[in-house]
Amino acid sequence: MIDAGHGPNTEGKRTPDGMREFEFNAAVAVFLTEELEKLSGVSVFHVHSNMSDIPLKQRTDKANELRVDCYLSIHANAYGTSWNSAEGIETFVHSSKPHEAYQLANIIQASLIKTTGRKNRGVKTADFHVLRETKMTAILIECGFMTNKEEAALLRSMEYRKKCAVSIASSIKDYYKLKSKIQGSSKNVIYKVQTGAFSHYESAEKLANELRAKGFDTFITKVK
């Protein structure tokens, strides 16, 4: 289960210059889904929505109902609301420190630090709802500080978003001893539908809003 933390309308949760945290979280969720779907025997679900904010209870209830094996909550961190020097990546498990979650968190944390070169803030414990109310291995990952100018620039970058996703997926693969799907098999081909490509964000947002109004779950991806 992938959980892009918060939602498109969550108050606060922005860089001092206006980028929403959910923009980063949702983009990483897309890349992470693509990476995990390359692995054999893996089914990927989402508990967030690009159209509206989903309550935490609804998210954890869905995960429990589907009996998923692993819950990954993707976030960007913040310290206050203005630019400051707080930096780095940290990964959380519940304060009861579940053995499997703690093992996986350490693998994910080490991989993210190696891949991104950011400051290692370590694996920590907390009583967050998504860690407390889930009945499976649950991890919450803070991929950098929105209130740090250097890291905020990275959080905006598609390259950094993909790095985080690939690193997390690689950790999942290693921890669960998963194998990549055999290339070239028709059973493993994934077909995707794109409804538009624009040079201006406003045009993309207009089409996305029209599709959301018709009930489609949409997202906008920036490609360099």
C-alpha atoms as a PDB file:
ATOM      1  CA  MET A   1       0.000   0.000   0.000  1.00  0.00           C
ATOM      2  CA  ILE A   2       1.397   3.363  -1.024  1.00  0.00           C
ATOM      3  CA  ASP A   3       0.234   6.424   0.878  1.00  0.00           C
ATOM      4  CA  ALA A   4       1.193   9.828  -0.527  1.00  0.00           C
ATOM      5  CA  GLY A   5       0.887  11.773   2.717  1.00  0.00           C
ATOM      6  CA  HIS A   6      -1.710  14.529   3.151  1.00  0.00           C
ATOM      7  CA  GLY A   7      -3.592  15.675   0.047  1.00  0.00           C
ATOM      8  CA  PRO A   8      -4.001  18.366  -2.629  1.00  0.00           C
ATOM      9  CA  ASN A   9      -5.994  20.647  -0.322  1.00  0.00           C
ATOM     10  CA  THR A  10      -4.170  20.205   2.994  1.00  0.00           C
ATOM     11  CA  GLU A  11      -3.562  23.549   4.710  1.00  0.00           C
ATOM     12  CA  GLY A  12       0.052  24.446   5.441  1.00  0.00           C
ATOM     13  CA  LYS A  13       2.277  21.584   4.300  1.00  0.00           C
ATOM     14  CA  ARG A  14       4.082  23.786   1.804  1.00  0.00           C
ATOM     15  CA  THR A  15       7.548  25.141   1.163  1.00  0.00           C
ATOM     16  CA  PRO A  16       7.908  28.806   2.178  1.00  0.00           C
ATOM     17  CA  ASP A  17       7.691  29.687  -1.521  1.00  0.00           C
ATOM     18  CA  GLY A  18       4.507  27.707  -2.115  1.00  0.00           C
ATOM     19  CA  MET A  19       5.142  24.137  -3.352  1.00  0.00           C
ATOM     20  CA  ARG A  20       2.635  21.757  -1.772  1.00  0.00           C
ATOM     21  CA  GLU A  21       4.083  18.746   0.019  1.00  0.00           C
ATOM     22  CA  PHE A  22       1.505  16.548  -1.707  1.00  0.00           C
ATOM     23  CA  GLU A  23       3.018  17.430  -5.081  1.00  0.00           C
ATOM     24  CA  PHE A  24       6.227  15.706  -4.007  1.00  0.00           C
ATOM     25  CA  ASN A  25       4.506  12.838  -2.210  1.00  0.00           C
ATOM     26  CA  ALA A  26       2.198  12.032  -5.132  1.00  0.00           C
ATOM     27  CA  ALA A  27       5.009  12.161  -7.701  1.00  0.00           C
ATOM     28  CA  VAL A  28       7.131   9.746  -5.658  1.00  0.00           C
ATOM     29  CA  ALA A  29       4.069   7.492  -5.348  1.00  0.00           C
ATOM     30  CA  VAL A  30       3.777   7.358  -9.146  1.00  0.00           C
ATOM     31  CA  PHE A  31       7.445   6.486  -9.636  1.00  0.00           C
ATOM     32  CA  LEU A  32       7.351   3.999  -6.749  1.00  0.00           C
ATOM     33  CA  THR A  33       4.332   2.271  -8.264  1.00  0.00           C
ATOM     34  CA  GLU A  34       6.152   1.927 -11.583  1.00  0.00           C
ATOM     35  CA  GLU A  35       9.174   0.399  -9.867  1.00  0.00           C
ATOM     36  CA  LEU A  36       7.211  -2.011  -7.690  1.00  0.00           C
ATOM     37  CA  GLU A  37       5.141  -3.197 -10.644  1.00  0.00           C
ATOM     38  CA  LYS A  38       8.365  -4.430 -12.224  1.00  0.00           C
ATOM     39  CA  LEU A  39       8.606  -7.020  -9.455  1.00  0.00           C
ATOM     40  CA  SER A  40       7.061 -10.465  -9.687  1.00  0.00           C
ATOM     41  CA  GLY A  41       4.096 -11.249  -7.428  1.00  0.00           C
ATOM     42  CA  VAL A  42       3.549  -7.674  -6.256  1.00  0.00           C
ATOM     43  CA  SER A  43       0.179  -5.905  -6.229  1.00  0.00           C
ATOM     44  CA  VAL A  44       0.240  -2.160  -5.563  1.00  0.00           C
ATOM     45  CA  PHE A  45      -2.629  -0.180  -4.005  1.00  0.00           C
ATOM     46  CA  HIS A  46      -3.041   3.492  -3.067  1.00  0.00           C
ATOM     47  CA  VAL A  47      -4.910   5.134  -0.194  1.00  0.00           C
ATOM     48  CA  HIS A  48      -4.479   8.744  -1.330  1.00  0.00           C
ATOM     49  CA  SER A  49      -6.337  10.684  -4.005  1.00  0.00           C
ATOM     50  CA  ASN A  50      -5.209  13.428  -6.362  1.00  0.00           C
ATOM     51  CA  MET A  51      -8.710  14.924  -6.197  1.00  0.00           C
ATOM     52  CA  SER A  52      -9.267  15.348  -2.464  1.00  0.00           C
ATOM     53  CA  ASP A  53      -7.776  14.851   0.994  1.00  0.00           C
ATOM     54  CA  ILE A  54      -8.455  11.372   2.374  1.00  0.00           C
ATOM     55  CA  PRO A  55      -8.916  11.062   6.177  1.00  0.00           C
ATOM     56  CA  LEU A  56      -6.261   9.022   7.957  1.00  0.00           C
ATOM     57  CA  LYS A  57      -8.791   6.531   9.331  1.00  0.00           C
ATOM     58  CA  GLN A  58     -10.098   5.863   5.844  1.00  0.00           C
ATOM     59  CA  ARG A  59      -6.560   5.192   4.680  1.00  0.00           C
ATOM     60  CA  THR A  60      -5.666   2.731   7.417  1.00  0.00           C
ATOM     61  CA  ASP A  61      -9.085   1.045   7.265  1.00  0.00           C
ATOM     62  CA  LYS A  62      -8.576   0.383   3.551  1.00  0.00           C
ATOM     63  CA  ALA A  63      -5.111  -1.056   4.121  1.00  0.00           C
ATOM     64  CA  ASN A  64      -6.396  -3.334   6.877  1.00  0.00           C
ATOM     65  CA  GLU A  65      -9.380  -4.390   4.802  1.00  0.00           C
ATOM     66  CA  LEU A  66      -7.147  -5.388   1.886  1.00  0.00           C
ATOM     67  CA  ARG A  67      -4.723  -7.118   4.266  1.00  0.00           C
ATOM     68  CA  VAL A  68      -1.671  -5.728   2.524  1.00  0.00           C
ATOM     69  CA  ASP A  69       1.777  -6.853   3.655  1.00  0.00           C
ATOM     70  CA  CYS A  70       3.422  -3.457   3.753  1.00  0.00           C
ATOM     71  CA  TYR A  71       2.273   0.163   4.153  1.00  0.00           C
ATOM     72  CA  LEU A  72       4.571   2.918   2.854  1.00  0.00           C
ATOM     73  CA  SER A  73       3.695   6.503   3.761  1.00  0.00           C
ATOM     74  CA  ILE A  74       5.650   9.071   1.714  1.00  0.00           C
ATOM     75  CA  HIS A  75       6.291  12.560   3.125  1.00  0.00           C
ATOM     76  CA  ALA A  76       8.479  15.652   3.026  1.00  0.00           C
ATOM     77  CA  ASN A  77       9.504  17.150   6.347  1.00  0.00           C
ATOM     78  CA  ALA A  78       9.351  20.704   7.729  1.00  0.00           C
ATOM     79  CA  TYR A  79      10.717  22.674  10.651  1.00  0.00           C
ATOM     80  CA  GLY A  80       8.547  25.722  11.233  1.00  0.00           C
ATOM     81  CA  THR A  81       7.235  27.679   8.265  1.00  0.00           C
ATOM     82  CA  SER A  82      10.239  29.741   7.150  1.00  0.00           C
ATOM     83  CA  TRP A  83      13.598  28.859   5.603  1.00  0.00           C
ATOM     84  CA  ASN A  84      16.099  27.351   8.046  1.00  0.00           C
ATOM     85  CA  SER A  85      18.992  24.896   8.256  1.00  0.00           C
ATOM     86  CA  ALA A  86      17.098  21.733   9.335  1.00  0.00           C
ATOM     87  CA  GLU A  87      17.930  19.026   6.812  1.00  0.00           C
ATOM     88  CA  GLY A  88      18.121  15.353   6.036  1.00  0.00           C
ATOM     89  CA  ILE A  89      16.103  12.181   5.701  1.00  0.00           C
ATOM     90  CA  GLU A  90      14.498  10.149   8.475  1.00  0.00           C
ATOM     91  CA  THR A  91      12.304   7.072   8.566  1.00  0.00           C
ATOM     92  CA  PHE A  92       9.699   6.254  11.215  1.00  0.00           C
ATOM     93  CA  VAL A  93       8.169   3.106  12.677  1.00  0.00           C
ATOM     94  CA  HIS A  94       5.608   2.915  15.470  1.00  0.00           C
ATOM     95  CA  SER A  95       6.801   3.653  19.001  1.00  0.00           C
ATOM     96  CA  SER A  96       6.279  -0.021  19.911  1.00  0.00           C
ATOM     97  CA  LYS A  97       9.170  -0.671  17.483  1.00  0.00           C
ATOM     98  CA  PRO A  98       7.780  -3.684  15.570  1.00  0.00           C
ATOM     99  CA  HIS A  99      10.660  -5.967  14.584  1.00  0.00           C
ATOM    100  CA  GLU A 100       9.890  -6.318  10.865  1.00  0.00           C
ATOM    101  CA  ALA A 101       9.037  -2.648  10.421  1.00  0.00           C
ATOM    102  CA  TYR A 102      12.255  -1.623  12.166  1.00  0.00           C
ATOM    103  CA  GLN A 103      14.329  -3.944   9.993  1.00  0.00           C
ATOM    104  CA  LEU A 104      12.744  -2.650   6.794  1.00  0.00           C
ATOM    105  CA  ALA A 105      13.019   0.973   7.939  1.00  0.00           C
ATOM    106  CA  ASN A 106      16.757   0.576   8.469  1.00  0.00           C
ATOM    107  CA  ILE A 107      17.192  -0.859   4.978  1.00  0.00           C
ATOM    108  CA  ILE A 108      15.134   1.958   3.414  1.00  0.00           C
ATOM    109  CA  GLN A 109      16.945   4.646   5.425  1.00  0.00           C
ATOM    110  CA  ALA A 110      20.399   3.365   4.488  1.00  0.00           C
ATOM    111  CA  SER A 111      19.450   3.088   0.821  1.00  0.00           C
ATOM    112  CA  LEU A 112      17.983   6.605   0.675  1.00  0.00           C
ATOM    113  CA  ILE A 113      21.074   8.129   2.294  1.00  0.00           C
ATOM    114  CA  LYS A 114      23.398   6.266  -0.069  1.00  0.00           C
ATOM    115  CA  THR A 115      21.322   7.221  -3.125  1.00  0.00           C
ATOM    116  CA  THR A 116      20.667  10.878  -2.306  1.00  0.00           C
ATOM    117  CA  GLY A 117      23.725  11.849  -0.267  1.00  0.00           C
ATOM    118  CA  ARG A 118      21.534  13.764   2.201  1.00  0.00           C
ATOM    119  CA  LYS A 119      22.112  13.956   5.965  1.00  0.00           C
ATOM    120  CA  ASN A 120      21.214  10.776   7.825  1.00  0.00           C
ATOM    121  CA  ARG A 121      18.717  11.599  10.601  1.00  0.00           C
ATOM    122  CA  GLY A 122      18.230   7.907  11.338  1.00  0.00           C
ATOM    123  CA  VAL A 123      15.323   5.578  12.009  1.00  0.00           C
ATOM    124  CA  LYS A 124      12.968   6.931  14.673  1.00  0.00           C
ATOM    125  CA  THR A 125       9.783   5.902  16.450  1.00  0.00           C
ATOM    126  CA  ALA A 126       6.499   7.806  16.714  1.00  0.00           C
ATOM    127  CA  ASP A 127       2.830   7.224  17.508  1.00  0.00           C
ATOM    128  CA  PHE A 128       1.588   8.441  14.112  1.00  0.00           C
ATOM    129  CA  HIS A 129      -1.884   7.202  13.149  1.00  0.00           C
ATOM    130  CA  VAL A 130      -0.736   5.375  10.008  1.00  0.00           C
ATOM    131  CA  LEU A 131       1.859   3.484  12.055  1.00  0.00           C
ATOM    132  CA  ARG A 132      -0.393   2.782  15.042  1.00  0.00           C
ATOM    133  CA  GLU A 133      -3.637   1.761  13.297  1.00  0.00           C
ATOM    134  CA  THR A 134      -2.242  -0.442  10.529  1.00  0.00           C
ATOM    135  CA  LYS A 135      -2.126  -4.213  11.067  1.00  0.00           C
ATOM    136  CA  MET A 136       0.904  -4.786   8.865  1.00  0.00           C
ATOM    137  CA  THR A 137       4.503  -3.660   8.479  1.00  0.00           C
ATOM    138  CA  ALA A 138       4.163   0.125   8.298  1.00  0.00           C
ATOM    139  CA  ILE A 139       6.841   2.718   7.519  1.00  0.00           C
ATOM    140  CA  LEU A 140       6.674   6.510   7.244  1.00  0.00           C
ATOM    141  CA  ILE A 141       9.462   8.174   5.264  1.00  0.00           C
ATOM    142  CA  GLU A 142      10.443  11.862   5.421  1.00  0.00           C
ATOM    143  CA  CYS A 143      12.488  12.500   2.269  1.00  0.00           C
ATOM    144  CA  GLY A 144      13.859  15.968   3.038  1.00  0.00           C
ATOM    145  CA  PHE A 145      12.915  19.331   4.513  1.00  0.00           C
ATOM    146  CA  MET A 146      10.581  21.689   2.678  1.00  0.00           C
ATOM    147  CA  THR A 147      11.912  24.487   4.887  1.00  0.00           C
ATOM    148  CA  ASN A 148      15.519  24.000   3.742  1.00  0.00           C
ATOM    149  CA  LYS A 149      16.202  25.886   0.483  1.00  0.00           C
ATOM    150  CA  GLU A 150      18.579  23.279  -0.901  1.00  0.00           C
ATOM    151  CA  GLU A 151      16.307  20.361  -0.091  1.00  0.00           C
ATOM    152  CA  ALA A 152      13.183  22.213  -1.246  1.00  0.00           C
ATOM    153  CA  ALA A 153      14.832  22.558  -4.660  1.00  0.00           C
ATOM    154  CA  LEU A 154      15.528  18.820  -4.650  1.00  0.00           C
ATOM    155  CA  LEU A 155      11.957  18.026  -3.629  1.00  0.00           C
ATOM    156  CA  ARG A 156      10.795  19.946  -6.722  1.00  0.00           C
ATOM    157  CA  SER A 157      13.115  17.930  -8.951  1.00  0.00           C
ATOM    158  CA  MET A 158      11.765  14.956 -10.890  1.00  0.00           C
ATOM    159  CA  GLU A 159      15.239  13.431 -10.758  1.00  0.00           C
ATOM    160  CA  TYR A 160      15.269  13.508  -6.943  1.00  0.00           C
ATOM    161  CA  ARG A 161      11.692  12.215  -6.732  1.00  0.00           C
ATOM    162  CA  LYS A 162      12.581   9.265  -8.927  1.00  0.00           C
ATOM    163  CA  LYS A 163      15.783   8.620  -6.954  1.00  0.00           C
ATOM    164  CA  CYS A 164      13.748   8.345  -3.762  1.00  0.00           C
ATOM    165  CA  ALA A 165      11.226   6.024  -5.395  1.00  0.00           C
ATOM    166  CA  VAL A 166      13.850   3.741  -6.927  1.00  0.00           C
ATOM    167  CA  SER A 167      15.700   3.569  -3.616  1.00  0.00           C
ATOM    168  CA  ILE A 168      12.566   2.634  -1.661  1.00  0.00           C
ATOM    169  CA  ALA A 169      11.535   0.035  -4.267  1.00  0.00           C
ATOM    170  CA  SER A 170      15.014  -1.491  -4.218  1.00  0.00           C
ATOM    171  CA  SER A 171      14.783  -1.794  -0.436  1.00  0.00           C
ATOM    172  CA  ILE A 172      11.400  -3.523  -0.688  1.00  0.00           C
ATOM    173  CA  LYS A 173      12.822  -5.906  -3.259  1.00  0.00           C
ATOM    174  CA  ASP A 174      15.798  -6.785  -1.062  1.00  0.00           C
ATOM    175  CA  TYR A 175      13.839  -7.126   2.182  1.00  0.00           C
ATOM    176  CA  TYR A 176      11.117  -9.374   0.765  1.00  0.00           C
ATOM    177  CA  LYS A 177      13.575 -11.200  -1.534  1.00  0.00           C
ATOM    178  CA  LEU A 178      11.506 -10.387  -4.599  1.00  0.00           C
ATOM    179  CA  LYS A 179      12.493 -11.007  -8.210  1.00  0.00           C
ATOM    180  CA  SER A 180      12.085  -8.802 -11.247  1.00  0.00           C
ATOM    181  CA  LYS A 181       9.533  -9.843 -13.819  1.00  0.00           C
ATOM    182  CA  ILE A 182      10.906 -11.630 -16.857  1.00  0.00           C
ATOM    183  CA  GLN A 183      11.405  -9.081 -19.601  1.00  0.00           C
ATOM    184  CA  GLY A 184       9.643  -9.675 -22.896  1.00  0.00           C
ATOM    185  CA  SER A 185       6.789 -11.753 -21.510  1.00  0.00           C
ATOM    186  CA  SER A 186       3.403 -10.522 -22.728  1.00  0.00           C
ATOM    187  CA  LYS A 187       1.972 -11.297 -19.293  1.00  0.00           C
ATOM    188  CA  ASN A 188       4.191  -8.615 -17.781  1.00  0.00           C
ATOM    189  CA  VAL A 189       3.463  -5.803 -20.237  1.00  0.00           C
ATOM    190  CA  ILE A 190       1.879  -2.747 -18.613  1.00  0.00           C
ATOM    191  CA  TYR A 191      -0.268  -0.465 -20.771  1.00  0.00           C
ATOM    192  CA  LYS A 192      -0.681   3.158 -19.745  1.00  0.00           C
ATOM    193  CA  VAL A 193      -3.036   5.873 -20.972  1.00  0.00           C
ATOM    194  CA  GLN A 194      -2.001   9.528 -21.251  1.00  0.00           C
ATOM    195  CA  THR A 195      -4.682  12.059 -22.059  1.00  0.00           C
ATOM    196  CA  GLY A 196      -2.595  15.129 -22.826  1.00  0.00           C
ATOM    197  CA  ALA A 197       0.818  16.792 -23.078  1.00  0.00           C
ATOM    198  CA  PHE A 198       1.231  20.541 -22.731  1.00  0.00           C
ATOM    199  CA  SER A 199       4.003  23.132 -22.631  1.00  0.00           C
ATOM    200  CA  HIS A 200       2.113  25.194 -20.036  1.00  0.00           C
ATOM    201  CA  TYR A 201       1.123  23.940 -16.576  1.00  0.00           C
ATOM    202  CA  GLU A 202      -2.164  25.849 -16.682  1.00  0.00           C
ATOM    203  CA  SER A 203      -3.336  23.846 -19.722  1.00  0.00           C
ATOM    204  CA  ALA A 204      -2.458  20.561 -18.050  1.00  0.00           C
ATOM    205  CA  GLU A 205      -4.250  21.618 -14.863  1.00  0.00           C
ATOM    206  CA  LYS A 206      -7.369  22.596 -16.835  1.00  0.00           C
ATOM    207  CA  LEU A 207      -7.623  19.159 -18.450  1.00  0.00           C
ATOM    208  CA  ALA A 208      -6.874  17.432 -15.132  1.00  0.00           C
ATOM    209  CA  ASN A 209      -9.694  19.361 -13.451  1.00  0.00           C
ATOM    210  CA  GLU A 210     -12.108  18.418 -16.248  1.00  0.00           C
ATOM    211  CA  LEU A 211     -11.222  14.731 -15.851  1.00  0.00           C
ATOM    212  CA  ARG A 212     -11.559  14.917 -12.061  1.00  0.00           C
ATOM    213  CA  ALA A 213     -15.003  16.452 -12.466  1.00  0.00           C
ATOM    214  CA  LYS A 214     -15.944  13.358 -14.480  1.00  0.00           C
ATOM    215  CA  GLY A 215     -14.726  11.058 -11.715  1.00  0.00           C
ATOM    216  CA  PHE A 216     -11.281  10.139 -13.036  1.00  0.00           C
ATOM    217  CA  ASP A 217      -8.283  10.023 -10.694  1.00  0.00           C
ATOM    218  CA  THR A 218      -5.604  12.105 -12.453  1.00  0.00           C
ATOM    219  CA  PHE A 219      -2.105  13.368 -11.834  1.00  0.00           C
ATOM    220  CA  ILE A 220       0.255  15.763 -13.587  1.00  0.00           C
ATOM    221  CA  THR A 221       3.869  14.771 -14.199  1.00  0.00           C
ATOM    222  CA  LYS A 222       6.594  17.158 -15.334  1.00  0.00           C
ATOM    223  CA  VAL A 223       8.964  15.633 -17.898  1.00  0.00           C
ATOM    224  CA  LYS A 224      12.226  17.366 -18.767  1.00  0.00           C
END
